[in-house]
Amino acid sequence: MSTSSAKYYVGAVGTEIVVDTEEDISTATVLKLLVKKPCGAEVEWVGELGPPNTVGVYTTIKYVVATGDWDTAGWWTVQAYVAMPGWSGLGATVKFKLYAAYQ
């Protein structure tokens, strides 16, 4: 998923969500995306390290949308959560709109 003008639809599978924490998270022991659906329900998606940036530092959490993940049209909020030796906490928040079919 990027911040481009692409549209994302309910029921899609295989879309990559990549959240850049802008910090070196290469020693992370936990990588999650905390997700708030348009209906207010909250879920957690277990992420993995995304590819390194142009200088070889790992700063992104990647999650691939699975069957059933994108089930509600509307505005979604995704926030990074990272736990590393000596530190854990929340990171960047991303909002995006998920569309119903034919919109």
PDB file of N, CA and C in Angstrom:
ATOM      1  N   MET A   1       0.848  -1.164   0.000  1.00  0.00           N
ATOM      2  CA  MET A   1       0.000   0.000   0.000  1.00  0.00           C
ATOM      3  C   MET A   1       0.891   1.223   0.000  1.00  0.00           C
ATOM      4  N   SER A   2       0.542   2.151  -0.792  1.00  0.00           N
ATOM      5  CA  SER A   2       1.290   3.396  -0.809  1.00  0.00           C
ATOM      6  C   SER A   2       0.319   4.538  -0.588  1.00  0.00           C
ATOM      7  N   THR A   3       0.831   5.726  -0.500  1.00  0.00           N
ATOM      8  CA  THR A   3      -0.029   6.891  -0.312  1.00  0.00           C
ATOM      9  C   THR A   3      -0.417   7.508  -1.653  1.00  0.00           C
ATOM     10  N   SER A   4      -0.295   6.733  -2.721  1.00  0.00           N
ATOM     11  CA  SER A   4      -0.655   7.238  -4.045  1.00  0.00           C
ATOM     12  C   SER A   4      -2.169   7.311  -4.174  1.00  0.00           C
ATOM     13  N   SER A   5      -2.639   7.574  -5.361  1.00  0.00           N
ATOM     14  CA  SER A   5      -4.069   7.716  -5.595  1.00  0.00           C
ATOM     15  C   SER A   5      -4.761   6.372  -5.826  1.00  0.00           C
ATOM     16  N   ALA A   6      -4.089   5.266  -5.587  1.00  0.00           N
ATOM     17  CA  ALA A   6      -4.695   3.952  -5.760  1.00  0.00           C
ATOM     18  C   ALA A   6      -5.888   3.805  -4.825  1.00  0.00           C
ATOM     19  N   LYS A   7      -6.886   3.045  -5.274  1.00  0.00           N
ATOM     20  CA  LYS A   7      -8.050   2.757  -4.443  1.00  0.00           C
ATOM     21  C   LYS A   7      -7.960   1.312  -3.988  1.00  0.00           C
ATOM     22  N   TYR A   8      -8.375   1.061  -2.753  1.00  0.00           N
ATOM     23  CA  TYR A   8      -8.360  -0.277  -2.176  1.00  0.00           C
ATOM     24  C   TYR A   8      -9.793  -0.675  -1.870  1.00  0.00           C
ATOM     25  N   TYR A   9     -10.101  -1.977  -2.050  1.00  0.00           N
ATOM     26  CA  TYR A   9     -11.476  -2.447  -1.979  1.00  0.00           C
ATOM     27  C   TYR A   9     -11.683  -3.542  -0.945  1.00  0.00           C
ATOM     28  N   VAL A  10     -12.890  -3.543  -0.350  1.00  0.00           N
ATOM     29  CA  VAL A  10     -13.303  -4.595   0.567  1.00  0.00           C
ATOM     30  C   VAL A  10     -13.099  -5.946  -0.115  1.00  0.00           C
ATOM     31  N   GLY A  11     -12.547  -6.905   0.625  1.00  0.00           N
ATOM     32  CA  GLY A  11     -12.366  -8.254   0.110  1.00  0.00           C
ATOM     33  C   GLY A  11     -11.053  -8.504  -0.599  1.00  0.00           C
ATOM     34  N   ALA A  12     -10.274  -7.458  -0.837  1.00  0.00           N
ATOM     35  CA  ALA A  12      -8.987  -7.643  -1.517  1.00  0.00           C
ATOM     36  C   ALA A  12      -8.066  -8.493  -0.639  1.00  0.00           C
ATOM     37  N   VAL A  13      -7.225  -9.282  -1.280  1.00  0.00           N
ATOM     38  CA  VAL A  13      -6.257 -10.145  -0.596  1.00  0.00           C
ATOM     39  C   VAL A  13      -4.909  -9.954  -1.274  1.00  0.00           C
ATOM     40  N   GLY A  14      -3.841  -9.931  -0.490  1.00  0.00           N
ATOM     41  CA  GLY A  14      -2.497  -9.860  -1.052  1.00  0.00           C
ATOM     42  C   GLY A  14      -1.893  -8.473  -1.122  1.00  0.00           C
ATOM     43  N   THR A  15      -2.642  -7.444  -0.782  1.00  0.00           N
ATOM     44  CA  THR A  15      -2.107  -6.087  -0.779  1.00  0.00           C
ATOM     45  C   THR A  15      -1.091  -5.949   0.354  1.00  0.00           C
ATOM     46  N   GLU A  16       0.050  -5.381   0.067  1.00  0.00           N
ATOM     47  CA  GLU A  16       1.063  -5.146   1.096  1.00  0.00           C
ATOM     48  C   GLU A  16       0.806  -3.808   1.773  1.00  0.00           C
ATOM     49  N   ILE A  17       0.745  -3.839   3.093  1.00  0.00           N
ATOM     50  CA  ILE A  17       0.680  -2.615   3.891  1.00  0.00           C
ATOM     51  C   ILE A  17       2.067  -2.424   4.484  1.00  0.00           C
ATOM     52  N   VAL A  18       2.678  -1.294   4.204  1.00  0.00           N
ATOM     53  CA  VAL A  18       4.016  -1.001   4.710  1.00  0.00           C
ATOM     54  C   VAL A  18       3.965   0.325   5.459  1.00  0.00           C
ATOM     55  N   VAL A  19       4.326   0.262   6.746  1.00  0.00           N
ATOM     56  CA  VAL A  19       4.340   1.458   7.578  1.00  0.00           C
ATOM     57  C   VAL A  19       5.786   1.767   7.941  1.00  0.00           C
ATOM     58  N   ASP A  20       6.229   2.969   7.611  1.00  0.00           N
ATOM     59  CA  ASP A  20       7.598   3.387   7.896  1.00  0.00           C
ATOM     60  C   ASP A  20       7.653   4.038   9.271  1.00  0.00           C
ATOM     61  N   THR A  21       8.420   3.436  10.184  1.00  0.00           N
ATOM     62  CA  THR A  21       8.559   3.975  11.538  1.00  0.00           C
ATOM     63  C   THR A  21       9.591   5.094  11.605  1.00  0.00           C
ATOM     64  N   GLU A  22      10.419   5.211  10.575  1.00  0.00           N
ATOM     65  CA  GLU A  22      11.490   6.202  10.497  1.00  0.00           C
ATOM     66  C   GLU A  22      12.541   6.016  11.585  1.00  0.00           C
ATOM     67  N   GLU A  23      12.596   4.811  12.163  1.00  0.00           N
ATOM     68  CA  GLU A  23      13.599   4.453  13.172  1.00  0.00           C
ATOM     69  C   GLU A  23      14.166   3.082  12.807  1.00  0.00           C
ATOM     70  N   ASP A  24      15.368   2.799  13.259  1.00  0.00           N
ATOM     71  CA  ASP A  24      15.971   1.489  13.040  1.00  0.00           C
ATOM     72  C   ASP A  24      15.273   0.474  13.940  1.00  0.00           C
ATOM     73  N   ILE A  25      14.542  -0.462  13.343  1.00  0.00           N
ATOM     74  CA  ILE A  25      13.818  -1.475  14.114  1.00  0.00           C
ATOM     75  C   ILE A  25      14.370  -2.880  13.832  1.00  0.00           C
ATOM     76  N   SER A  26      15.604  -2.950  13.399  1.00  0.00           N
ATOM     77  CA  SER A  26      16.196  -4.227  13.003  1.00  0.00           C
ATOM     78  C   SER A  26      16.314  -5.213  14.162  1.00  0.00           C
ATOM     79  N   THR A  27      16.314  -4.744  15.418  1.00  0.00           N
ATOM     80  CA  THR A  27      16.419  -5.660  16.560  1.00  0.00           C
ATOM     81  C   THR A  27      15.054  -5.957  17.187  1.00  0.00           C
ATOM     82  N   ALA A  28      13.988  -5.585  16.511  1.00  0.00           N
ATOM     83  CA  ALA A  28      12.641  -5.776  17.067  1.00  0.00           C
ATOM     84  C   ALA A  28      12.330  -7.248  17.313  1.00  0.00           C
ATOM     85  N   THR A  29      11.673  -7.500  18.434  1.00  0.00           N
ATOM     86  CA  THR A  29      11.201  -8.845  18.760  1.00  0.00           C
ATOM     87  C   THR A  29       9.703  -8.973  18.525  1.00  0.00           C
ATOM     88  N   VAL A  30       9.012  -7.831  18.442  1.00  0.00           N
ATOM     89  CA  VAL A  30       7.583  -7.801  18.146  1.00  0.00           C
ATOM     90  C   VAL A  30       7.333  -6.686  17.136  1.00  0.00           C
ATOM     91  N   LEU A  31       6.628  -7.020  16.070  1.00  0.00           N
ATOM     92  CA  LEU A  31       6.218  -6.041  15.059  1.00  0.00           C
ATOM     93  C   LEU A  31       4.736  -6.266  14.802  1.00  0.00           C
ATOM     94  N   LYS A  32       3.933  -5.269  15.122  1.00  0.00           N
ATOM     95  CA  LYS A  32       2.490  -5.400  14.926  1.00  0.00           C
ATOM     96  C   LYS A  32       1.941  -4.130  14.289  1.00  0.00           C
ATOM     97  N   LEU A  33       0.808  -4.297  13.641  1.00  0.00           N
ATOM     98  CA  LEU A  33       0.015  -3.165  13.205  1.00  0.00           C
ATOM     99  C   LEU A  33      -1.280  -3.214  14.001  1.00  0.00           C
ATOM    100  N   LEU A  34      -1.539  -2.144  14.744  1.00  0.00           N
ATOM    101  CA  LEU A  34      -2.783  -2.023  15.493  1.00  0.00           C
ATOM    102  C   LEU A  34      -3.788  -1.358  14.563  1.00  0.00           C
ATOM    103  N   VAL A  35      -4.914  -2.004  14.356  1.00  0.00           N
ATOM    104  CA  VAL A  35      -5.849  -1.594  13.313  1.00  0.00           C
ATOM    105  C   VAL A  35      -7.196  -1.235  13.924  1.00  0.00           C
ATOM    106  N   LYS A  36      -7.707  -0.067  13.542  1.00  0.00           N
ATOM    107  CA  LYS A  36      -9.051   0.344  13.948  1.00  0.00           C
ATOM    108  C   LYS A  36      -9.906   0.413  12.692  1.00  0.00           C
ATOM    109  N   LYS A  37     -10.951  -0.419  12.667  1.00  0.00           N
ATOM    110  CA  LYS A  37     -11.857  -0.480  11.517  1.00  0.00           C
ATOM    111  C   LYS A  37     -12.857   0.673  11.571  1.00  0.00           C
ATOM    112  N   PRO A  38     -13.527   0.957  10.458  1.00  0.00           N
ATOM    113  CA  PRO A  38     -14.502   2.048  10.429  1.00  0.00           C
ATOM    114  C   PRO A  38     -15.624   1.885  11.461  1.00  0.00           C
ATOM    115  N   CYS A  39     -15.964   0.654  11.828  1.00  0.00           N
ATOM    116  CA  CYS A  39     -17.031   0.399  12.796  1.00  0.00           C
ATOM    117  C   CYS A  39     -16.559   0.587  14.236  1.00  0.00           C
ATOM    118  N   GLY A  40     -15.254   0.846  14.430  1.00  0.00           N
ATOM    119  CA  GLY A  40     -14.700   1.040  15.756  1.00  0.00           C
ATOM    120  C   GLY A  40     -14.018  -0.194  16.327  1.00  0.00           C
ATOM    121  N   ALA A  41     -14.223  -1.349  15.701  1.00  0.00           N
ATOM    122  CA  ALA A  41     -13.569  -2.578  16.165  1.00  0.00           C
ATOM    123  C   ALA A  41     -12.059  -2.451  15.986  1.00  0.00           C
ATOM    124  N   GLU A  42     -11.313  -3.035  16.928  1.00  0.00           N
ATOM    125  CA  GLU A  42      -9.855  -2.994  16.870  1.00  0.00           C
ATOM    126  C   GLU A  42      -9.302  -4.409  16.753  1.00  0.00           C
ATOM    127  N   VAL A  43      -8.307  -4.581  15.878  1.00  0.00           N
ATOM    128  CA  VAL A  43      -7.627  -5.861  15.689  1.00  0.00           C
ATOM    129  C   VAL A  43      -6.130  -5.609  15.618  1.00  0.00           C
ATOM    130  N   GLU A  44      -5.354  -6.678  15.745  1.00  0.00           N
ATOM    131  CA  GLU A  44      -3.900  -6.597  15.608  1.00  0.00           C
ATOM    132  C   GLU A  44      -3.466  -7.528  14.489  1.00  0.00           C
ATOM    133  N   TRP A  45      -2.588  -7.041  13.648  1.00  0.00           N
ATOM    134  CA  TRP A  45      -1.999  -7.856  12.595  1.00  0.00           C
ATOM    135  C   TRP A  45      -0.507  -7.982  12.883  1.00  0.00           C
ATOM    136  N   VAL A  46      -0.005  -9.210  12.911  1.00  0.00           N
ATOM    137  CA  VAL A  46       1.419  -9.446  13.151  1.00  0.00           C
ATOM    138  C   VAL A  46       2.178  -9.139  11.870  1.00  0.00           C
ATOM    139  N   GLY A  47       3.121  -8.218  11.972  1.00  0.00           N
ATOM    140  CA  GLY A  47       3.895  -7.802  10.810  1.00  0.00           C
ATOM    141  C   GLY A  47       5.268  -8.448  10.786  1.00  0.00           C
ATOM    142  N   GLU A  48       6.030  -8.053   9.805  1.00  0.00           N
ATOM    143  CA  GLU A  48       7.418  -8.485   9.666  1.00  0.00           C
ATOM    144  C   GLU A  48       8.236  -7.291   9.209  1.00  0.00           C
ATOM    145  N   LEU A  49       9.563  -7.414   9.319  1.00  0.00           N
ATOM    146  CA  LEU A  49      10.414  -6.337   8.820  1.00  0.00           C
ATOM    147  C   LEU A  49      10.211  -6.168   7.330  1.00  0.00           C
ATOM    148  N   GLY A  50      10.033  -4.938   6.921  1.00  0.00           N
ATOM    149  CA  GLY A  50       9.980  -4.652   5.496  1.00  0.00           C
ATOM    150  C   GLY A  50      11.389  -4.581   4.942  1.00  0.00           C
ATOM    151  N   PRO A  51      11.522  -4.317   3.663  1.00  0.00           N
ATOM    152  CA  PRO A  51      12.861  -4.227   3.070  1.00  0.00           C
ATOM    153  C   PRO A  51      13.653  -3.059   3.642  1.00  0.00           C
ATOM    154  N   PRO A  52      14.973  -3.142   3.618  1.00  0.00           N
ATOM    155  CA  PRO A  52      15.787  -2.029   4.117  1.00  0.00           C
ATOM    156  C   PRO A  52      15.633  -0.800   3.232  1.00  0.00           C
ATOM    157  N   ASN A  53      15.885   0.352   3.818  1.00  0.00           N
ATOM    158  CA  ASN A  53      15.826   1.585   3.039  1.00  0.00           C
ATOM    159  C   ASN A  53      17.085   1.712   2.175  1.00  0.00           C
ATOM    160  N   THR A  54      17.260   2.846   1.548  1.00  0.00           N
ATOM    161  CA  THR A  54      18.358   3.029   0.589  1.00  0.00           C
ATOM    162  C   THR A  54      19.741   2.991   1.217  1.00  0.00           C
ATOM    163  N   VAL A  55      19.812   3.134   2.545  1.00  0.00           N
ATOM    164  CA  VAL A  55      21.114   3.047   3.221  1.00  0.00           C
ATOM    165  C   VAL A  55      21.247   1.750   4.019  1.00  0.00           C
ATOM    166  N   GLY A  56      20.333   0.798   3.785  1.00  0.00           N
ATOM    167  CA  GLY A  56      20.430  -0.521   4.397  1.00  0.00           C
ATOM    168  C   GLY A  56      19.874  -0.649   5.799  1.00  0.00           C
ATOM    169  N   VAL A  57      19.072   0.320   6.237  1.00  0.00           N
ATOM    170  CA  VAL A  57      18.501   0.286   7.581  1.00  0.00           C
ATOM    171  C   VAL A  57      17.040  -0.166   7.493  1.00  0.00           C
ATOM    172  N   TYR A  58      16.661  -1.054   8.406  1.00  0.00           N
ATOM    173  CA  TYR A  58      15.283  -1.550   8.446  1.00  0.00           C
ATOM    174  C   TYR A  58      14.424  -0.616   9.298  1.00  0.00           C
ATOM    175  N   THR A  59      13.474   0.054   8.646  1.00  0.00           N
ATOM    176  CA  THR A  59      12.613   1.007   9.345  1.00  0.00           C
ATOM    177  C   THR A  59      11.128   0.720   9.144  1.00  0.00           C
ATOM    178  N   THR A  60      10.782  -0.273   8.334  1.00  0.00           N
ATOM    179  CA  THR A  60       9.380  -0.495   7.994  1.00  0.00           C
ATOM    180  C   THR A  60       8.839  -1.815   8.527  1.00  0.00           C
ATOM    181  N   ILE A  61       7.541  -1.783   8.821  1.00  0.00           N
ATOM    182  CA  ILE A  61       6.777  -2.977   9.164  1.00  0.00           C
ATOM    183  C   ILE A  61       5.904  -3.291   7.956  1.00  0.00           C
ATOM    184  N   LYS A  62       5.922  -4.569   7.560  1.00  0.00           N
ATOM    185  CA  LYS A  62       5.134  -4.998   6.398  1.00  0.00           C
ATOM    186  C   LYS A  62       4.110  -6.038   6.848  1.00  0.00           C
ATOM    187  N   TYR A  63       2.911  -5.924   6.292  1.00  0.00           N
ATOM    188  CA  TYR A  63       1.854  -6.910   6.508  1.00  0.00           C
ATOM    189  C   TYR A  63       1.166  -7.134   5.170  1.00  0.00           C
ATOM    190  N   VAL A  64       0.867  -8.393   4.846  1.00  0.00           N
ATOM    191  CA  VAL A  64       0.156  -8.721   3.616  1.00  0.00           C
ATOM    192  C   VAL A  64      -1.288  -9.051   3.982  1.00  0.00           C
ATOM    193  N   VAL A  65      -2.232  -8.322   3.403  1.00  0.00           N
ATOM    194  CA  VAL A  65      -3.651  -8.486   3.712  1.00  0.00           C
ATOM    195  C   VAL A  65      -4.097  -9.908   3.379  1.00  0.00           C
ATOM    196  N   ALA A  66      -4.752 -10.553   4.354  1.00  0.00           N
ATOM    197  CA  ALA A  66      -5.226 -11.931   4.206  1.00  0.00           C
ATOM    198  C   ALA A  66      -6.740 -11.952   4.003  1.00  0.00           C
ATOM    199  N   THR A  67      -7.249 -13.104   3.628  1.00  0.00           N
ATOM    200  CA  THR A  67      -8.688 -13.286   3.449  1.00  0.00           C
ATOM    201  C   THR A  67      -9.414 -12.887   4.731  1.00  0.00           C
ATOM    202  N   GLY A  68     -10.429 -12.031   4.591  1.00  0.00           N
ATOM    203  CA  GLY A  68     -11.237 -11.608   5.724  1.00  0.00           C
ATOM    204  C   GLY A  68     -10.745 -10.362   6.437  1.00  0.00           C
ATOM    205  N   ASP A  69      -9.517  -9.928   6.156  1.00  0.00           N
ATOM    206  CA  ASP A  69      -8.989  -8.736   6.837  1.00  0.00           C
ATOM    207  C   ASP A  69      -9.770  -7.479   6.469  1.00  0.00           C
ATOM    208  N   TRP A  70      -9.924  -7.257   5.181  1.00  0.00           N
ATOM    209  CA  TRP A  70     -10.592  -6.038   4.722  1.00  0.00           C
ATOM    210  C   TRP A  70     -12.068  -6.342   4.506  1.00  0.00           C
ATOM    211  N   ASP A  71     -12.858  -6.161   5.567  1.00  0.00           N
ATOM    212  CA  ASP A  71     -14.257  -6.573   5.533  1.00  0.00           C
ATOM    213  C   ASP A  71     -15.261  -5.433   5.639  1.00  0.00           C
ATOM    214  N   THR A  72     -14.798  -4.202   5.777  1.00  0.00           N
ATOM    215  CA  THR A  72     -15.698  -3.073   6.008  1.00  0.00           C
ATOM    216  C   THR A  72     -15.234  -1.856   5.216  1.00  0.00           C
ATOM    217  N   ALA A  73     -16.158  -1.264   4.459  1.00  0.00           N
ATOM    218  CA  ALA A  73     -15.829  -0.034   3.734  1.00  0.00           C
ATOM    219  C   ALA A  73     -15.778   1.139   4.708  1.00  0.00           C
ATOM    220  N   GLY A  74     -14.926   2.113   4.392  1.00  0.00           N
ATOM    221  CA  GLY A  74     -14.814   3.318   5.205  1.00  0.00           C
ATOM    222  C   GLY A  74     -13.362   3.631   5.527  1.00  0.00           C
ATOM    223  N   TRP A  75     -13.164   4.537   6.486  1.00  0.00           N
ATOM    224  CA  TRP A  75     -11.816   4.975   6.861  1.00  0.00           C
ATOM    225  C   TRP A  75     -11.223   4.040   7.910  1.00  0.00           C
ATOM    226  N   TRP A  76     -10.027   3.534   7.622  1.00  0.00           N
ATOM    227  CA  TRP A  76      -9.284   2.641   8.505  1.00  0.00           C
ATOM    228  C   TRP A  76      -8.083   3.398   9.070  1.00  0.00           C
ATOM    229  N   THR A  77      -7.690   3.047  10.297  1.00  0.00           N
ATOM    230  CA  THR A  77      -6.509   3.622  10.923  1.00  0.00           C
ATOM    231  C   THR A  77      -5.574   2.484  11.304  1.00  0.00           C
ATOM    232  N   VAL A  78      -4.310   2.615  10.939  1.00  0.00           N
ATOM    233  CA  VAL A  78      -3.294   1.609  11.237  1.00  0.00           C
ATOM    234  C   VAL A  78      -2.152   2.297  11.974  1.00  0.00           C
ATOM    235  N   GLN A  79      -1.741   1.719  13.107  1.00  0.00           N
ATOM    236  CA  GLN A  79      -0.642   2.287  13.878  1.00  0.00           C
ATOM    237  C   GLN A  79       0.401   1.206  14.154  1.00  0.00           C
ATOM    238  N   ALA A  80       1.651   1.574  13.983  1.00  0.00           N
ATOM    239  CA  ALA A  80       2.764   0.647  14.219  1.00  0.00           C
ATOM    240  C   ALA A  80       2.963   0.433  15.712  1.00  0.00           C
ATOM    241  N   TYR A  81       3.297  -0.815  16.086  1.00  0.00           N
ATOM    242  CA  TYR A  81       3.742  -1.139  17.442  1.00  0.00           C
ATOM    243  C   TYR A  81       5.015  -1.968  17.322  1.00  0.00           C
ATOM    244  N   VAL A  82       6.048  -1.570  18.061  1.00  0.00           N
ATOM    245  CA  VAL A  82       7.345  -2.252  17.998  1.00  0.00           C
ATOM    246  C   VAL A  82       7.830  -2.503  19.420  1.00  0.00           C
ATOM    247  N   ALA A  83       8.380  -3.705  19.648  1.00  0.00           N
ATOM    248  CA  ALA A  83       9.069  -3.999  20.904  1.00  0.00           C
ATOM    249  C   ALA A  83      10.482  -4.439  20.555  1.00  0.00           C
ATOM    250  N   MET A  84      11.464  -3.791  21.180  1.00  0.00           N
ATOM    251  CA  MET A  84      12.881  -4.107  20.981  1.00  0.00           C
ATOM    252  C   MET A  84      13.529  -4.197  22.359  1.00  0.00           C
ATOM    253  N   PRO A  85      14.712  -4.776  22.439  1.00  0.00           N
ATOM    254  CA  PRO A  85      15.407  -4.772  23.726  1.00  0.00           C
ATOM    255  C   PRO A  85      15.572  -3.333  24.236  1.00  0.00           C
ATOM    256  N   GLY A  86      15.037  -3.061  25.424  1.00  0.00           N
ATOM    257  CA  GLY A  86      15.174  -1.737  26.008  1.00  0.00           C
ATOM    258  C   GLY A  86      14.136  -0.714  25.605  1.00  0.00           C
ATOM    259  N   TRP A  87      13.245  -1.049  24.673  1.00  0.00           N
ATOM    260  CA  TRP A  87      12.228  -0.073  24.255  1.00  0.00           C
ATOM    261  C   TRP A  87      11.049  -0.783  23.614  1.00  0.00           C
ATOM    262  N   SER A  88       9.844  -0.268  23.867  1.00  0.00           N
ATOM    263  CA  SER A  88       8.656  -0.700  23.139  1.00  0.00           C
ATOM    264  C   SER A  88       7.691   0.471  23.100  1.00  0.00           C
ATOM    265  N   GLY A  89       6.906   0.514  22.045  1.00  0.00           N
ATOM    266  CA  GLY A  89       5.947   1.603  21.954  1.00  0.00           C
ATOM    267  C   GLY A  89       5.303   1.718  20.595  1.00  0.00           C
ATOM    268  N   LEU A  90       4.493   2.760  20.490  1.00  0.00           N
ATOM    269  CA  LEU A  90       3.734   3.028  19.274  1.00  0.00           C
ATOM    270  C   LEU A  90       4.529   3.905  18.321  1.00  0.00           C
ATOM    271  N   GLY A  91       4.192   3.785  17.057  1.00  0.00           N
ATOM    272  CA  GLY A  91       4.848   4.585  16.036  1.00  0.00           C
ATOM    273  C   GLY A  91       3.837   5.290  15.161  1.00  0.00           C
ATOM    274  N   ALA A  92       4.209   5.465  13.925  1.00  0.00           N
ATOM    275  CA  ALA A  92       3.419   6.220  12.958  1.00  0.00           C
ATOM    276  C   ALA A  92       2.005   5.672  12.797  1.00  0.00           C
ATOM    277  N   THR A  93       1.076   6.580  12.554  1.00  0.00           N
ATOM    278  CA  THR A  93      -0.312   6.227  12.276  1.00  0.00           C
ATOM    279  C   THR A  93      -0.621   6.584  10.830  1.00  0.00           C
ATOM    280  N   VAL A  94      -1.312   5.665  10.161  1.00  0.00           N
ATOM    281  CA  VAL A  94      -1.682   5.862   8.759  1.00  0.00           C
ATOM    282  C   VAL A  94      -3.189   5.680   8.634  1.00  0.00           C
ATOM    283  N   LYS A  95      -3.836   6.552   7.878  1.00  0.00           N
ATOM    284  CA  LYS A  95      -5.271   6.410   7.602  1.00  0.00           C
ATOM    285  C   LYS A  95      -5.461   6.207   6.110  1.00  0.00           C
ATOM    286  N   PHE A  96      -6.415   5.335   5.784  1.00  0.00           N
ATOM    287  CA  PHE A  96      -6.738   5.116   4.373  1.00  0.00           C
ATOM    288  C   PHE A  96      -8.204   4.749   4.244  1.00  0.00           C
ATOM    289  N   LYS A  97      -8.739   4.963   3.064  1.00  0.00           N
ATOM    290  CA  LYS A  97     -10.138   4.646   2.802  1.00  0.00           C
ATOM    291  C   LYS A  97     -10.221   3.345   2.042  1.00  0.00           C
ATOM    292  N   LEU A  98     -11.105   2.463   2.502  1.00  0.00           N
ATOM    293  CA  LEU A  98     -11.382   1.198   1.840  1.00  0.00           C
ATOM    294  C   LEU A  98     -12.761   1.320   1.213  1.00  0.00           C
ATOM    295  N   TYR A  99     -12.862   0.996  -0.061  1.00  0.00           N
ATOM    296  CA  TYR A  99     -14.099   1.191  -0.820  1.00  0.00           C
ATOM    297  C   TYR A  99     -14.874  -0.101  -0.989  1.00  0.00           C
ATOM    298  N   ALA A 100     -16.193   0.022  -1.063  1.00  0.00           N
ATOM    299  CA  ALA A 100     -17.042  -1.104  -1.438  1.00  0.00           C
ATOM    300  C   ALA A 100     -16.909  -1.300  -2.950  1.00  0.00           C
ATOM    301  N   ALA A 101     -17.307  -2.447  -3.437  1.00  0.00           N
ATOM    302  CA  ALA A 101     -17.252  -2.719  -4.881  1.00  0.00           C
ATOM    303  C   ALA A 101     -18.052  -1.664  -5.657  1.00  0.00           C
ATOM    304  N   TYR A 102     -17.585  -1.349  -6.821  1.00  0.00           N
ATOM    305  CA  TYR A 102     -18.214  -0.433  -7.778  1.00  0.00           C
ATOM    306  C   TYR A 102     -18.159   1.023  -7.366  1.00  0.00           C
ATOM    307  N   GLN A 103     -17.342   1.359  -6.379  1.00  0.00           N
ATOM    308  CA  GLN A 103     -17.225   2.770  -5.993  1.00  0.00           C
ATOM    309  C   GLN A 103     -16.024   3.374  -6.674  1.00  0.00           C
TER     310      GLN A 103
END
